[in-house]
Structures are given as structure tokens and as C-alpha cells.
Protein backbone atom coordinates (compact mmCIF):
# COMPACT_ATOMS: atom_id res chain seq x y z
CA MET A 1 11.10 3.98 -18.90
CA CYS A 2 11.09 7.68 -19.79
CA ASP A 3 8.78 10.28 -21.22
CA ILE A 4 9.63 12.34 -24.31
CA PHE A 5 10.47 16.02 -23.70
CA THR A 6 10.11 18.76 -26.26
CA ARG A 7 11.79 22.16 -25.99
CA GLN A 8 8.73 23.62 -24.29
CA ASP A 9 8.54 20.74 -21.82
CA ALA A 10 12.23 21.01 -20.93
CA MET A 11 12.01 24.79 -20.54
CA SER A 12 9.01 24.48 -18.25
CA LEU A 13 10.80 21.91 -16.09
CA LEU A 14 14.16 23.70 -15.82
CA GLN A 15 12.88 27.28 -15.62
CA GLY A 16 14.92 29.15 -13.00
CA LYS A 17 17.05 26.08 -12.22
CA TYR A 18 20.80 25.46 -12.11
CA ILE A 19 22.11 22.10 -13.34
CA LEU A 20 25.71 21.11 -12.57
CA MET A 21 27.14 18.27 -14.70
CA LEU A 22 30.45 16.59 -13.83
CA GLY A 23 32.03 13.80 -15.85
CA ASP A 24 33.90 12.64 -18.92
CA SER A 25 33.24 13.03 -22.65
CA ASN A 26 29.90 11.21 -22.50
CA MET A 27 28.75 13.70 -19.87
CA ARG A 28 29.89 16.48 -22.19
CA ALA A 29 27.77 14.96 -24.96
CA LEU A 30 24.79 14.85 -22.59
CA TYR A 31 25.41 18.52 -21.71
CA LYS A 32 25.46 19.46 -25.39
CA ASP A 33 22.35 17.49 -26.21
CA LEU A 34 20.44 19.15 -23.36
CA ILE A 35 21.43 22.60 -24.61
CA TRP A 36 20.60 21.63 -28.18
CA LEU A 37 17.12 20.57 -27.03
CA LEU A 38 16.62 23.86 -25.18
CA GLU A 39 17.70 25.90 -28.18
CA THR A 40 16.53 24.10 -31.32
CA ASN A 41 14.02 21.37 -30.34
CA THR A 42 15.69 19.05 -32.87
CA LEU A 43 18.08 16.09 -32.76
CA ILE A 44 21.68 17.17 -32.33
CA GLU A 45 24.08 16.67 -35.21
CA SER A 46 26.66 13.92 -34.88
CA HIS A 47 29.72 16.09 -35.48
CA GLN A 48 28.60 18.46 -32.71
CA LEU A 49 28.93 15.63 -30.19
CA ARG A 50 32.50 14.90 -31.33
CA THR A 51 33.70 18.50 -31.25
CA LYS A 52 35.72 19.51 -28.17
CA MET A 53 37.09 22.69 -26.66
CA GLU A 54 35.16 25.09 -28.91
CA LYS A 55 34.98 28.61 -27.54
CA SER A 56 31.19 28.73 -27.72
CA PHE A 57 28.44 26.21 -28.36
CA LEU A 58 24.93 27.58 -28.90
CA GLY A 59 25.69 30.61 -26.77
CA ASP A 60 27.57 28.93 -23.92
CA LYS A 61 31.07 29.92 -22.80
CA ARG A 62 34.20 27.92 -22.15
CA THR A 63 35.46 29.22 -18.82
CA ALA A 64 38.39 26.82 -18.25
CA GLY A 65 40.74 24.83 -20.48
CA ASP A 66 42.67 26.09 -23.46
CA LYS A 67 44.38 23.11 -25.05
CA LEU A 68 43.19 19.66 -26.11
CA HIS A 69 45.45 16.83 -24.90
CA LYS A 70 45.24 13.34 -23.37
CA ALA A 71 47.04 14.02 -20.10
CA ARG A 72 45.44 13.49 -16.71
CA ASN A 73 45.43 17.21 -15.98
CA PHE A 74 43.06 17.96 -18.85
CA THR A 75 40.34 20.45 -17.89
CA GLU A 76 37.29 21.86 -19.62
CA THR A 77 34.53 23.89 -18.06
CA ARG A 78 31.53 25.27 -19.92
CA VAL A 79 28.64 27.43 -18.71
CA TYR A 80 25.30 27.94 -20.45
CA GLU A 81 22.97 30.73 -19.30
CA ASN A 82 19.90 31.47 -21.36
CA HIS A 83 16.09 31.45 -21.05
CA ASN A 84 16.47 31.67 -17.25
CA VAL A 85 18.22 28.27 -17.24
CA ARG A 86 21.81 27.76 -16.08
CA VAL A 87 23.77 24.61 -16.98
CA LYS A 88 27.43 24.09 -16.10
CA TYR A 89 29.72 21.27 -17.22
CA SER A 90 33.16 20.37 -15.91
CA PHE A 91 35.39 17.57 -17.21
CA LEU A 92 36.63 15.04 -14.64
CA THR A 93 39.58 12.68 -14.90
CA LYS A 94 39.14 11.72 -11.24
CA CYS A 95 35.94 11.66 -9.21
CA TYR A 96 37.61 13.24 -6.16
CA SER A 97 40.28 15.86 -6.82
CA GLU A 98 41.38 19.30 -5.73
CA GLU A 99 39.26 20.87 -8.48
CA VAL A 100 36.13 19.13 -7.18
CA LYS A 101 36.94 20.09 -3.60
CA ASN A 102 37.45 23.74 -4.57
CA MET A 103 34.24 23.78 -6.61
CA LEU A 104 32.09 22.38 -3.82
CA GLY A 105 33.91 24.48 -1.23
CA ALA A 106 32.96 27.62 -3.16
CA ILE A 107 29.33 26.46 -3.17
CA LYS A 108 29.41 25.88 0.58
CA SER A 109 30.95 29.27 1.32
CA GLY A 110 28.48 31.09 -0.94
CA ALA A 111 31.10 32.21 -3.42
CA SER A 112 29.43 30.20 -6.16
CA TYR A 113 25.82 29.45 -7.10
CA CYS A 114 24.22 26.49 -5.37
CA PRO A 115 22.95 23.98 -7.96
CA ASP A 116 19.47 22.53 -7.89
CA VAL A 117 20.67 19.31 -9.54
CA VAL A 118 24.12 17.73 -9.63
CA VAL A 119 24.63 15.05 -12.29
CA VAL A 120 27.95 13.27 -11.90
CA ASN A 121 29.79 10.27 -13.33
CA SER A 122 33.44 9.27 -13.32
CA CYS A 123 34.90 5.84 -13.96
CA LEU A 124 36.85 5.24 -17.17
CA TRP A 125 39.66 7.67 -16.41
CA ASP A 126 39.75 6.69 -12.72
CA ILE A 127 40.38 2.99 -13.26
CA SER A 128 42.63 3.23 -16.33
CA ARG A 129 44.84 6.32 -16.05
CA TRP A 130 45.90 6.48 -12.42
CA GLY A 131 48.32 3.58 -12.17
CA PRO A 132 48.04 0.08 -10.68
CA ASN A 133 46.26 1.43 -7.60
CA GLY A 134 43.58 3.13 -9.67
CA VAL A 135 40.79 0.77 -8.61
CA PRO A 136 41.46 0.91 -4.81
CA GLU A 137 41.81 4.69 -5.02
CA TYR A 138 38.57 4.90 -6.98
CA LYS A 139 36.76 3.05 -4.19
CA ASP A 140 38.16 5.39 -1.54
CA ASN A 141 37.50 8.47 -3.65
CA MET A 142 33.87 7.50 -4.17
CA VAL A 143 33.30 7.52 -0.41
CA LYS A 144 35.18 10.82 -0.05
CA LEU A 145 33.09 12.37 -2.84
CA MET A 146 29.80 11.37 -1.25
CA ARG A 147 30.94 12.76 2.10
CA LEU A 148 31.92 15.98 0.35
CA PHE A 149 28.46 16.22 -1.21
CA LYS A 150 26.89 15.68 2.20
CA SER A 151 28.94 18.42 3.83
CA CYS A 152 28.82 21.05 1.08
CA LEU A 153 25.39 20.74 -0.56
CA PRO A 154 22.03 21.56 1.02
CA LYS A 155 19.39 18.87 1.41
CA GLN A 156 17.21 20.30 -1.35
CA THR A 157 19.94 19.75 -3.96
CA CYS A 158 19.25 16.61 -5.96
CA VAL A 159 22.46 14.62 -6.48
CA ILE A 160 22.21 12.06 -9.30
CA TRP A 161 24.97 9.55 -9.92
CA MET A 162 24.82 8.24 -13.49
CA THR A 163 26.35 4.83 -14.05
CA THR A 164 28.97 4.44 -16.77
CA LEU A 165 27.57 3.53 -20.18
CA PRO A 166 28.38 0.14 -21.76
CA ILE A 167 31.60 0.02 -23.77
CA SER A 168 32.72 -2.47 -26.40
CA ALA A 169 35.42 -5.15 -26.23
CA SER A 170 37.60 -3.20 -28.66
CA CYS A 171 36.99 0.33 -27.47
CA ARG A 172 39.28 3.26 -28.17
CA GLY A 173 39.26 6.79 -26.85
CA GLY A 174 41.21 9.57 -25.24
CA PHE A 175 41.62 7.73 -21.95
CA LEU A 176 43.18 4.65 -23.63
CA ILE A 177 46.67 5.84 -24.45
CA LYS A 178 49.26 3.46 -25.85
CA GLN A 179 50.62 2.49 -22.42
CA VAL A 180 47.26 1.12 -21.23
CA GLU A 181 45.79 -0.26 -24.45
CA PHE A 182 45.91 -3.76 -22.97
CA LEU A 183 43.01 -2.77 -20.70
CA ARG A 184 40.52 -2.47 -23.55
CA HIS A 185 39.69 -6.19 -23.57
CA THR A 186 38.63 -6.33 -19.92
CA MET A 187 37.47 -2.74 -19.41
CA ARG A 188 33.81 -3.53 -20.09
CA PHE A 189 33.76 -6.01 -17.18
CA GLU A 190 35.49 -3.59 -14.83
CA VAL A 191 32.91 -0.96 -15.77
CA MET A 192 30.11 -3.27 -14.66
CA GLU A 193 31.86 -4.00 -11.35
CA ALA A 194 32.54 -0.29 -10.81
CA ASN A 195 28.88 0.50 -11.48
CA MET A 196 27.75 -2.01 -8.86
CA TYR A 197 30.18 -0.64 -6.30
CA ALA A 198 29.27 2.99 -7.02
CA ARG A 199 25.57 2.16 -6.81
CA ASP A 200 25.94 0.75 -3.29
CA VAL A 201 28.08 3.66 -2.08
CA VAL A 202 25.87 6.39 -3.53
CA ALA A 203 22.66 4.78 -2.27
CA SER A 204 24.12 4.35 1.23
CA PHE A 205 24.54 8.14 1.43
CA GLY A 206 20.95 8.75 0.36
CA PHE A 207 21.63 10.07 -3.16
CA ASP A 208 19.97 9.02 -6.40
CA VAL A 209 21.40 6.47 -8.83
CA LEU A 210 20.37 6.67 -12.48
CA ASP A 211 21.40 3.38 -14.06
CA VAL A 212 21.81 4.38 -17.70
CA HIS A 213 24.03 1.32 -18.21
CA TYR A 214 20.92 -0.79 -17.62
CA TYR A 215 18.76 1.26 -19.98
CA MET A 216 21.34 1.38 -22.78
CA ARG A 217 22.52 -2.23 -22.69
CA MET A 218 19.95 -3.07 -25.39
CA GLN A 219 20.85 0.01 -27.47
CA ILE A 220 24.32 -1.11 -28.50
CA HIS A 221 23.46 -0.55 -32.16
CA ARG A 222 23.30 3.18 -31.33
CA ARG A 223 26.87 3.27 -30.05
CA SER A 224 29.61 4.96 -32.06
CA SER A 225 32.32 3.06 -33.87
CA ASP A 226 34.89 3.84 -31.16
CA GLY A 227 32.94 1.69 -28.69
CA VAL A 228 32.75 4.43 -26.04
CA HIS A 229 30.62 7.30 -27.34
CA TRP A 230 27.05 7.25 -28.62
CA LEU A 231 25.00 8.47 -31.57
CA PRO A 232 22.64 11.49 -31.35
CA SER A 233 19.50 9.34 -31.02
CA ALA A 234 21.02 7.50 -28.06
CA MET A 235 22.07 10.72 -26.34
CA ARG A 236 18.58 12.15 -26.74
CA HIS A 237 17.20 9.00 -25.12
CA ILE A 238 19.56 9.52 -22.16
CA THR A 239 18.51 13.17 -21.97
CA ASN A 240 14.86 12.12 -21.76
CA ILE A 241 15.72 9.59 -19.04
CA LEU A 242 17.47 12.32 -17.03
CA LEU A 243 14.65 14.86 -17.44
CA THR A 244 12.07 12.23 -16.51
CA HIS A 245 13.98 11.39 -13.34
CA ILE A 246 14.28 15.06 -12.39
CA ALA A 247 10.57 15.65 -12.99
CA LEU A 248 9.61 12.70 -10.81
CA VAL A 249 11.97 13.75 -8.02
CA TRP A 250 10.50 17.26 -8.05
CA ASN A 251 6.99 15.81 -8.16
CA ARG A 252 6.28 17.60 -11.44
CA THR A 253 3.77 16.46 -14.03
CA LEU A 254 5.32 14.62 -16.95
CA PRO A 255 4.60 15.81 -20.51
CA GLY A 256 2.59 12.67 -21.28
CA ASN A 257 4.05 12.23 -24.78
CA PHE A 258 4.78 8.58 -24.01
CA SER A 259 3.38 6.09 -21.53
CA SER A 260 4.34 2.59 -20.48
CA LEU A 261 4.00 0.23 -17.55
CA ALA A 262 7.64 0.75 -16.58
CA LEU A 263 7.10 4.50 -16.47
CA GLU A 264 4.08 4.10 -14.20
CA LYS A 265 6.18 1.99 -11.83
CA ALA A 266 8.93 4.61 -11.89
CA LYS A 267 6.46 7.25 -10.74
CA VAL A 268 5.93 5.27 -7.55
CA LEU A 269 9.60 4.48 -6.97
CA THR A 270 11.03 7.98 -7.38
CA VAL A 271 8.52 10.11 -5.46
CA LYS A 272 10.30 10.43 -2.14
CA GLU A 273 7.53 12.32 -0.36
CA LYS A 274 5.18 9.36 -0.35
CA LYS A 275 5.86 6.85 2.36
CA HIS A 276 3.97 3.63 1.94
CA GLU A 277 3.07 2.06 5.28
CA PHE A 278 2.00 -1.55 5.16
CA LYS A 279 -0.20 -2.69 8.03
CA LEU A 280 -0.42 -6.33 8.82
CA PRO A 281 -3.96 -7.73 9.07
CA GLU A 282 -5.22 -7.76 12.62
CA VAL A 283 -6.23 -11.14 13.94
CA PRO A 284 -9.15 -10.90 16.41
CA ASN A 285 -8.38 -11.87 19.99
CA ILE A 286 -11.05 -14.49 20.37
CA PHE A 287 -10.55 -16.34 23.59
CA ILE A 288 -8.97 -15.86 26.98
CA ARG A 289 -8.65 -18.81 29.27
CA GLU A 290 -8.97 -17.70 32.85
CA LYS A 291 -7.11 -19.17 35.77
CA GLN A 292 -9.33 -21.09 38.18
CA SER A 293 -8.66 -22.59 41.60
CA GLY A 294 -10.61 -25.75 40.82
CA PRO A 295 -9.74 -28.80 38.77
CA PRO A 296 -9.03 -28.62 35.01
CA GLU A 297 -12.69 -29.31 34.23
CA CYS A 298 -13.55 -25.96 35.74
CA CYS A 299 -11.48 -24.07 33.21
CA ARG A 300 -13.78 -22.13 30.95
CA LEU A 301 -13.33 -20.14 27.76
CA ARG A 302 -14.47 -16.56 27.66
CA ALA A 303 -14.84 -14.45 24.53
CA ARG A 304 -12.35 -11.59 24.53
CA ALA A 305 -13.81 -9.67 21.60
CA PRO A 306 -16.76 -10.53 19.38
CA LEU A 307 -16.15 -11.39 15.78
CA LYS A 308 -17.16 -8.82 13.24
CA ASP A 309 -19.89 -9.16 10.68
CA CYS A 310 -22.03 -11.19 13.12
CA ALA A 311 -20.26 -14.46 12.29
CA THR A 312 -22.13 -16.32 15.01
CA ARG A 313 -21.88 -19.75 13.53
CA ARG A 314 -18.19 -19.42 12.85
CA ARG A 315 -17.59 -18.29 16.43
CA ARG A 316 -19.52 -21.20 17.87
CA ALA A 317 -17.66 -23.66 15.66
CA ALA A 318 -14.31 -22.21 16.72
CA ARG A 319 -15.37 -22.35 20.39
CA THR A 320 -16.39 -25.97 20.08
CA GLN A 321 -13.17 -26.87 18.31
CA PHE A 322 -11.11 -25.15 20.98
CA GLU A 323 -12.94 -26.88 23.81
CA GLU A 324 -12.49 -30.28 22.23
CA HIS A 325 -8.80 -29.61 21.70
CA ALA A 326 -8.47 -28.53 25.33
CA GLN A 327 -10.00 -31.73 26.59
CA ARG A 328 -7.79 -33.88 24.36
CA SER A 329 -4.67 -32.01 25.40
CA ASN A 330 -5.54 -32.14 29.12
CA TRP A 331 -4.41 -28.59 29.80
CA PRO A 332 -3.48 -27.85 33.45
CA ALA A 333 -5.51 -25.34 35.37
CA GLN A 334 -2.52 -23.05 35.89
CA LEU A 335 -2.37 -22.04 32.21
CA GLN A 336 -3.88 -18.69 31.46
CA PHE A 337 -4.56 -17.72 27.86
CA ILE A 338 -4.22 -14.02 27.36
CA GLN A 339 -3.84 -11.63 24.46
CA HIS A 340 -0.59 -12.21 22.60
CA SER A 341 2.20 -10.05 24.00
CA ASP A 342 5.91 -10.13 24.68
CA THR A 343 5.31 -11.63 28.14
CA ALA A 344 2.93 -14.34 27.02
CA ALA A 345 4.01 -17.97 27.39
CA VAL A 346 4.07 -19.75 24.06
CA ASP A 347 3.16 -23.39 23.51
CA PRO A 348 3.99 -24.60 19.98
CA GLU A 349 1.12 -27.08 20.05
CA LEU A 350 -1.47 -24.38 20.62
CA ASN A 351 -0.13 -21.68 18.29
CA SER A 352 -1.92 -22.94 15.18
CA TRP A 353 -3.61 -21.48 12.11
CA ASN A 354 -7.17 -22.46 11.39
CA MET A 355 -7.28 -22.16 7.61
CA ALA A 356 -10.95 -23.00 7.35
CA GLU A 357 -12.04 -20.31 9.77
CA GLY A 358 -9.31 -17.78 9.00
CA LEU A 359 -8.40 -17.39 12.66
CA LYS A 360 -5.04 -17.46 14.42
CA TYR A 361 -4.95 -18.33 18.11
CA HIS A 362 -2.09 -16.87 20.10
CA VAL A 363 -1.05 -18.38 23.40
């Protein structure tokens, strides 16, 4: 469903742009892979995805976080600024927190740069590390986060919610400490339910949903042995999916390095500027039956509008059929057949579809 981006393609797309990425370790891996593409135009090395809390990665800077631990107050913020492209990443253990509020508040007040794209995901830590009420709080926090985006970000900022990637039945990672290891066997099902809930909430606020869970469900063989993280080839595929989505949202031309039917359909679905208006076929108003003071035999049929394409024989046949039906039905003289409107009286027996002639008569 995505095109393939080279370094030159990615630089052309993101030139002069600011990308803000919020999420867990998989979002960090996506951040690293994007930078690796911008710098080297090669596939990132596997050990680079596993490394955490380094002071610098390909010229970026770690601006927050100084110690690696598994507590809920873990923080890590990295900023990459090079080639007129700015990318910022911040680790989240909760989708709605004081750190997120302060970050977006600074954007609203002008104290911080306003991003062109916000890519966000948070789920695994939310539903596993915040006690028995983690799931209800996650639902409330999702709504609060979307409202915060609405109030703090301008309309031109593209907010993309990425669904949580598929995890295995025996996953292990930093969020699964010893006290909550029992969750590993059901976590993959809760992730799917959380993705469905988040999709509905995000879409109701008018933001974009990028369902990478759907795209990667058939790429399980490219998942790491821990059952949570992914191999370099999989992360590059996700990077291409993200860049393709951004290009389509901005109405930019895709590189054209890959084409498929699904990609052509995506071009139609993601271009927000195009509004497709579907007009129902107009049925010609053929006859009007006029009210007469005489007996029913005096009722006559008058053509309201001529049929197009000079279909004289079809019109005569329809007139004859209507007259015969009128005689058999013994219509009273008080009935008046007018153009279909909200005030028109409807008789179920007369509102019929003539399949042979392609005409619909409205009473």
C-alpha cells in the first residue's frame, strides 16, 4: 500500500518541515529509521534499533533523560536538525500526561516550534503499567489527548495516530516487569481492542489514523525475538507507509518507485481536498393529471416535459400504458398528479417502476 522512498525522495518531501513523534520504543525505532534514511540511504543496522539513551545518533541530540530504567517516569527526548529538516521524538508511558500538556501548551503559546506533522502512539504502557484502572483511564485519556490536540494545534498540522503493532503471545519487553508478566498471554488481544477504540476516537475528532497493525499483521516473520520490536526491513516498510501517507495528505507527487492497485485506491481515500459529490439520476417528470370538474372520463393526461433523445415511440407506449391503468383503477376526478414533492399525496399502487421503459412515475 506504500511507495518506496529513497534519501532524495524523503528529503524533497520533508524539506523545511518539522515532524514531532510521540510514543514508545517502536516509535523510537521509527524515528531512528527515518533519520538513517535521511542520512545514509541504506537499511538501518539491527543493533542501532536496540540501542537506547545514546547521547547522539547520526547528529541528533538527547535533550531529556539521563538514566535507563523501567519505571513509569522514564523519559527520553531526542531532536534531529539537519538538511533543513527537524524531527523530534519523545518517549511516552502515558498518552495524556503533564509532559504532553506542557509540550503542547508551549506550542500553543509560541514558546516552541509548531510541528507540521504529529505522529503519536501509546498503548502498551498505558494498559499494563498503570494499575487495574489502566484500561478505563486509557479510554478517558485518549479523549483528553484529542481535545488537547484540537485546542493547541493549528488546522494545518497533520495529526497521525499510528495503531499499535502486533505483539506475540509470549512477548517480553521493558513494560512487562515481573509484577505484570501474567498479562503477556492476553496482551495481544487487548492491543487489538485498544486499536479499535483509538481508531473511533481519533477519527471522531477529524484526525488521521494510520493502521500499521493491519499492514504488519502478515509480516510477523519480520518481528524480533522479543515479540514486541521489529527487524530493520520491517521498520523501513513502516517508514515508507508513513512517508506515503504524508505525501498523499499534502497532495505531493509520489516517487513512483512502486505501484499497486491498493496504492491507487489510497490516493483517492487520503486526498482531503477532493470532495466527491454523487448525484442521483434524474427521472423525467412525464405526466401531470389535471383536476377537472367533469366525470372521471374527462380526466386527461398532459405531458409535463418531453423525453430526451426524441423517444417518441417510448413516450406513446408509456402514455397508453398509463391511460389503460387509469381506466382499470377507476381513479376519481379529484386526484391531481403533480411533480413529486414533499406535499404530494402518495398512492402505493401508482408509485411503480417501469423496468422496460426505464421510467419512474411519482404520484
